[in-house]
Protein backbone atom coordinates (compact mmCIF):
# COMPACT_ATOMS: atom_id res chain seq x y z
CA UNK A 1 -46.47 69.62 27.58
CA UNK A 2 -45.12 67.23 24.35
CA UNK A 3 -44.72 68.73 21.31
CA UNK A 4 -47.73 67.32 20.35
CA UNK A 5 -49.88 68.83 22.94
CA UNK A 6 -48.01 72.46 21.84
CA UNK A 7 -48.95 71.82 18.62
CA UNK A 8 -53.00 71.24 19.36
CA UNK A 9 -52.91 74.44 21.77
CA UNK A 10 -51.86 76.56 18.49
CA UNK A 11 -54.79 75.61 17.03
CA UNK A 12 -56.35 76.22 19.45
CA UNK A 13 -55.13 79.22 19.90
CA UNK A 14 -54.81 80.29 15.95
CA UNK A 15 -58.47 79.69 16.22
CA UNK A 16 -58.16 76.85 13.45
CA UNK A 17 -60.25 74.90 15.62
CA UNK A 18 -62.83 75.52 18.36
CA UNK A 19 -66.02 78.05 17.59
CA UNK A 20 -65.17 80.56 15.12
CA UNK A 21 -64.86 84.19 16.50
CA UNK A 22 -67.46 87.01 14.84
CA UNK A 23 -66.10 89.12 12.62
CA UNK A 24 -63.17 89.43 10.58
CA UNK A 25 -62.41 92.38 12.68
CA UNK A 26 -62.35 89.94 15.42
CA UNK A 27 -60.48 87.48 14.13
CA UNK A 28 -57.37 90.13 13.06
CA UNK A 29 -57.25 91.61 16.52
CA UNK A 30 -57.25 88.20 18.16
CA UNK A 31 -53.67 87.29 15.85
CA UNK A 32 -52.41 90.66 16.06
CA UNK A 33 -51.10 90.60 12.18
CA UNK A 34 -51.90 87.87 9.49
CA UNK A 35 -49.22 87.35 6.97
CA UNK A 36 -50.62 89.22 3.74
CA UNK A 37 -48.45 89.09 0.93
CA UNK A 38 -50.87 86.91 -1.10
CA UNK A 39 -54.05 88.59 -0.81
CA UNK A 40 -56.46 85.72 -1.93
CA UNK A 41 -54.79 83.38 0.71
CA UNK A 42 -54.26 86.70 3.15
CA UNK A 43 -58.49 87.10 2.72
CA UNK A 44 -59.65 83.41 3.09
CA UNK A 45 -57.15 82.88 6.61
CA UNK A 46 -59.44 85.63 7.93
CA UNK A 47 -62.58 84.25 6.71
CA UNK A 48 -61.67 80.47 8.00
CA UNK A 49 -61.77 81.82 11.79
CA UNK A 50 -64.90 83.47 11.23
CA UNK A 51 -67.02 81.30 9.19
CA UNK A 52 -67.08 83.99 6.61
CA UNK A 53 -66.55 84.96 3.03
CA UNK A 54 -63.75 86.68 1.10
CA UNK A 55 -66.14 89.39 0.21
CA UNK A 56 -67.14 89.75 3.89
CA UNK A 57 -63.12 90.43 4.39
CA UNK A 58 -63.72 92.30 1.99
CA UNK A 59 -66.22 94.14 2.88
CA UNK A 60 -64.29 94.74 6.42
CA UNK A 61 -61.44 96.61 4.77
CA UNK A 62 -64.10 98.70 2.72
CA UNK A 63 -65.40 99.87 6.03
CA UNK A 64 -62.15 100.65 7.63
CA UNK A 65 -61.86 98.11 10.14
CA UNK A 66 -58.69 96.10 8.15
CA UNK A 67 -55.81 97.34 6.31
CA UNK A 68 -52.75 95.82 4.83
CA UNK A 69 -49.37 97.02 5.38
CA UNK A 70 -45.69 96.00 6.00
CA UNK A 71 -45.59 96.52 9.97
CA UNK A 72 -42.66 94.21 10.50
CA UNK A 73 -39.69 92.23 8.53
CA UNK A 74 -40.47 94.04 5.86
CA UNK A 75 -43.68 92.02 4.68
CA UNK A 76 -47.10 92.09 4.24
CA UNK A 77 -49.76 91.64 7.06
CA UNK A 78 -52.91 92.36 7.59
CA UNK A 79 -53.82 94.04 10.73
CA UNK A 80 -56.57 95.86 12.15
CA UNK A 81 -56.57 99.59 10.71
CA UNK A 82 -57.21 101.10 14.07
CA UNK A 83 -53.68 99.44 15.43
CA UNK A 84 -51.37 100.39 11.79
CA UNK A 85 -50.00 103.67 13.72
CA UNK A 86 -48.64 101.79 16.57
CA UNK A 87 -47.60 98.54 15.09
CA UNK A 88 -45.92 100.44 11.91
CA UNK A 89 -44.04 102.58 14.49
CA UNK A 90 -42.57 100.03 17.00
CA UNK A 91 -41.73 97.30 14.00
CA UNK A 92 -40.35 98.92 10.98
CA UNK A 93 -37.15 100.68 12.18
CA UNK A 94 -34.68 97.44 11.09
CA UNK A 95 -36.67 97.21 7.60
CA UNK A 96 -36.00 100.81 6.83
CA UNK A 97 -32.88 100.48 7.64
CA UNK A 98 -31.76 97.12 5.32
CA UNK A 99 -34.78 99.16 2.98
CA UNK A 100 -32.10 101.84 2.66
CA UNK A 101 -29.63 100.17 1.21
CA UNK A 102 -31.41 98.64 -0.63
CA UNK A 103 -32.51 101.77 -2.39
CA UNK A 104 -29.04 102.39 -3.45
CA UNK A 105 -28.84 99.05 -5.21
CA UNK A 106 -32.09 100.25 -6.61
CA UNK A 107 -30.53 103.63 -8.09
CA UNK A 108 -33.07 105.46 -5.89
CA UNK A 109 -32.14 108.60 -4.13
CA UNK A 110 -33.46 110.07 -0.74
CA UNK A 111 -35.08 112.99 -3.03
CA UNK A 112 -36.81 110.45 -4.86
CA UNK A 113 -38.18 109.09 -2.38
CA UNK A 114 -39.30 112.72 -1.33
CA UNK A 115 -40.76 113.41 -4.40
CA UNK A 116 -42.26 110.32 -4.71
CA UNK A 117 -44.20 110.73 -1.08
CA UNK A 118 -45.29 114.62 -2.12
CA UNK A 119 -47.17 113.25 -5.54
CA UNK A 120 -48.53 109.82 -3.71
CA UNK A 121 -49.84 111.95 -0.54
CA UNK A 122 -51.30 114.46 -3.28
CA UNK A 123 -53.11 111.89 -5.70
CA UNK A 124 -54.37 109.87 -3.18
CA UNK A 125 -55.57 112.68 -1.22
CA UNK A 126 -59.58 111.99 -0.89
CA UNK A 127 -58.92 108.99 -3.93
CA UNK A 128 -57.89 105.73 -3.26
CA UNK A 129 -55.60 104.55 -6.20
CA UNK A 130 -54.53 101.33 -7.66
CA UNK A 131 -51.08 100.15 -7.35
CA UNK A 132 -50.63 100.91 -11.33
CA UNK A 133 -52.30 104.18 -10.81
CA UNK A 134 -49.95 105.69 -8.66
CA UNK A 135 -47.28 104.00 -10.57
CA UNK A 136 -48.57 106.29 -13.05
CA UNK A 137 -48.75 109.25 -11.44
CA UNK A 138 -45.01 109.04 -10.65
CA UNK A 139 -43.68 107.60 -14.08
CA UNK A 140 -45.62 110.82 -15.48
CA UNK A 141 -43.43 112.50 -13.42
CA UNK A 142 -40.17 111.09 -14.30
CA UNK A 143 -39.88 108.66 -11.41
CA UNK A 144 -38.50 104.98 -12.56
CA UNK A 145 -40.70 102.41 -11.08
CA UNK A 146 -39.53 99.39 -13.14
CA UNK A 147 -37.54 96.18 -12.32
CA UNK A 148 -38.96 96.56 -8.28
CA UNK A 149 -38.21 100.38 -7.76
CA UNK A 150 -42.08 101.08 -7.79
CA UNK A 151 -42.81 98.39 -5.07
CA UNK A 152 -39.91 99.83 -3.33
CA UNK A 153 -41.17 103.34 -2.99
CA UNK A 154 -45.33 101.57 -2.20
CA UNK A 155 -43.25 99.76 0.84
CA UNK A 156 -41.42 102.54 2.00
CA UNK A 157 -44.28 105.07 2.36
CA UNK A 158 -46.26 102.63 4.06
CA UNK A 159 -43.83 101.96 6.24
CA UNK A 160 -43.32 105.55 7.52
CA UNK A 161 -47.46 104.90 8.23
CA UNK A 162 -48.31 107.31 5.12
CA UNK A 163 -50.27 104.71 2.91
CA UNK A 164 -52.00 101.22 3.79
CA UNK A 165 -54.01 98.79 1.48
CA UNK A 166 -57.60 99.29 2.03
CA UNK A 167 -61.08 99.89 0.31
CA UNK A 168 -61.51 97.65 -2.94
CA UNK A 169 -62.06 99.11 -6.32
CA UNK A 170 -63.23 96.81 -9.18
CA UNK A 171 -62.19 93.56 -7.44
CA UNK A 172 -58.62 95.26 -6.89
CA UNK A 173 -57.43 96.27 -3.17
CA UNK A 174 -56.17 100.15 -3.32
CA UNK A 175 -54.00 102.32 -1.49
CA UNK A 176 -55.43 105.34 0.74
CA UNK A 177 -54.19 107.49 3.12
CA UNK A 178 -53.63 106.45 6.46
CA UNK A 179 -54.87 109.58 7.84
CA UNK A 180 -58.20 108.89 5.78
CA UNK A 181 -58.59 104.78 6.24
CA UNK A 182 -57.44 104.82 9.80
CA UNK A 183 -60.88 106.37 11.64
CA UNK A 184 -59.70 105.98 15.19
CA UNK A 185 -55.74 105.74 15.40
CA UNK A 186 -54.16 104.12 18.46
CA UNK A 187 -51.06 105.70 19.75
CA UNK A 188 -48.55 103.29 22.16
CA UNK A 189 -45.09 103.95 22.68
CA UNK A 190 -42.15 102.21 23.95
CA UNK A 191 -42.57 99.85 26.89
CA UNK A 192 -46.70 99.74 26.54
CA UNK A 193 -46.37 99.12 23.09
CA UNK A 194 -44.05 96.12 23.64
CA UNK A 195 -46.31 94.59 26.40
CA UNK A 196 -49.62 94.89 23.93
CA UNK A 197 -47.66 93.09 21.39
CA UNK A 198 -46.19 90.71 23.26
CA UNK A 199 -49.78 89.60 25.19
CA UNK A 200 -51.41 89.98 22.01
CA UNK A 201 -49.27 87.61 19.97
CA UNK A 202 -48.52 85.41 23.37
CA UNK A 203 -52.64 85.04 23.67
CA UNK A 204 -53.12 84.28 19.76
CA UNK A 205 -50.35 82.15 19.30
CA UNK A 206 -49.26 80.30 22.49
CA UNK A 207 -47.98 78.26 23.66
CA UNK A 208 -44.67 79.85 22.51
CA UNK A 209 -41.49 81.53 23.38
CA UNK A 210 -39.51 84.69 23.73
CA UNK A 211 -37.86 83.38 20.83
CA UNK A 212 -40.71 82.89 19.34
CA UNK A 213 -41.81 86.39 19.92
CA UNK A 214 -39.03 87.99 18.96
CA UNK A 215 -38.94 86.12 15.07
CA UNK A 216 -42.20 87.15 14.67
CA UNK A 217 -41.86 90.76 15.18
CA UNK A 218 -38.04 91.54 14.16
CA UNK A 219 -37.50 93.25 17.51
CA UNK A 220 -34.04 92.75 19.49
CA UNK A 221 -34.39 89.81 21.89
CA UNK A 222 -33.75 92.45 24.85
CA UNK A 223 -36.76 94.21 24.13
CA UNK A 224 -38.62 91.54 23.03
CA UNK A 225 -38.41 89.96 27.09
CA UNK A 226 -38.83 93.87 28.88
CA UNK A 227 -42.77 93.25 26.80
CA UNK A 228 -42.68 90.10 27.93
CA UNK A 229 -41.70 90.41 31.57
CA UNK A 230 -44.93 93.26 31.85
CA UNK A 231 -47.40 90.94 30.98
CA UNK A 232 -46.34 87.27 32.34
CA UNK A 233 -48.99 87.96 35.06
CA UNK A 234 -51.55 87.42 33.13
CA UNK A 235 -49.91 84.53 30.91
CA UNK A 236 -49.57 80.72 32.10
CA UNK A 237 -46.46 78.69 31.32
CA UNK A 238 -45.56 75.66 30.18
CA UNK A 239 -42.45 73.78 29.74
CA UNK A 240 -41.19 71.55 26.84
CA UNK A 241 -37.74 70.01 27.19
CA UNK A 242 -36.64 72.25 29.56
CA UNK A 243 -37.87 75.16 27.59
CA UNK A 244 -40.70 77.60 28.66
CA UNK A 245 -43.62 78.20 26.46
CA UNK A 246 -46.04 81.11 27.55
CA UNK A 247 -49.87 81.19 26.57
CA UNK A 248 -53.24 82.28 27.06
CA UNK A 249 -54.62 80.49 30.39
CA UNK A 250 -57.77 80.17 28.18
CA UNK A 251 -55.73 78.20 25.66
CA UNK A 252 -55.57 75.31 28.31
């Protein structure tokens, strides 16, 4: 295949061309995780792939089908809610280690994080709240939230698998407890999780290389190779300038 062939095949794999998928949930399940730092763009990227609207995607969040969280590389992504627990468990070790170093620079202690956790869990129990409301709870108890501290704490709680962005309230997406928003959590560990991640990434984004998958996940290359090796038999392989690219045979 030529580089042009690869580009066209990726458009097909990512459902940017061809028949739309059936629903917002189907879109996100196919792609595993979609970049979601910019909320309007994140909603539209899902809607375009299923022939729907932003309101349809918001409704999927309200129904508990989808969630936004920080599952990889310290960046917000949209995921299928049921996938959130294993994705967060698998890919957040490195971002959390980096965040711990950043925490020192922000002047936040581990005691601050634990207090923020207890206060947020209590405030969110049975009642999703907006970012401003959670920051208000913390500020009322003397926890510093200015200069990026509040964002840092919300990301940390999300990467611990405790909270996520879920339903909408008056047009704004609210944080909810994962234990309440995720109805049927999947639990995959170790090599099983690596294999699932590799297969779904290469089906939804291929033709792609092992290095592409490592960059996308932020995982060590050795772990990524193990995942790919476990599912290689379910994938097609093509070469571009001597470099192997893997993909779903159906994409071809």
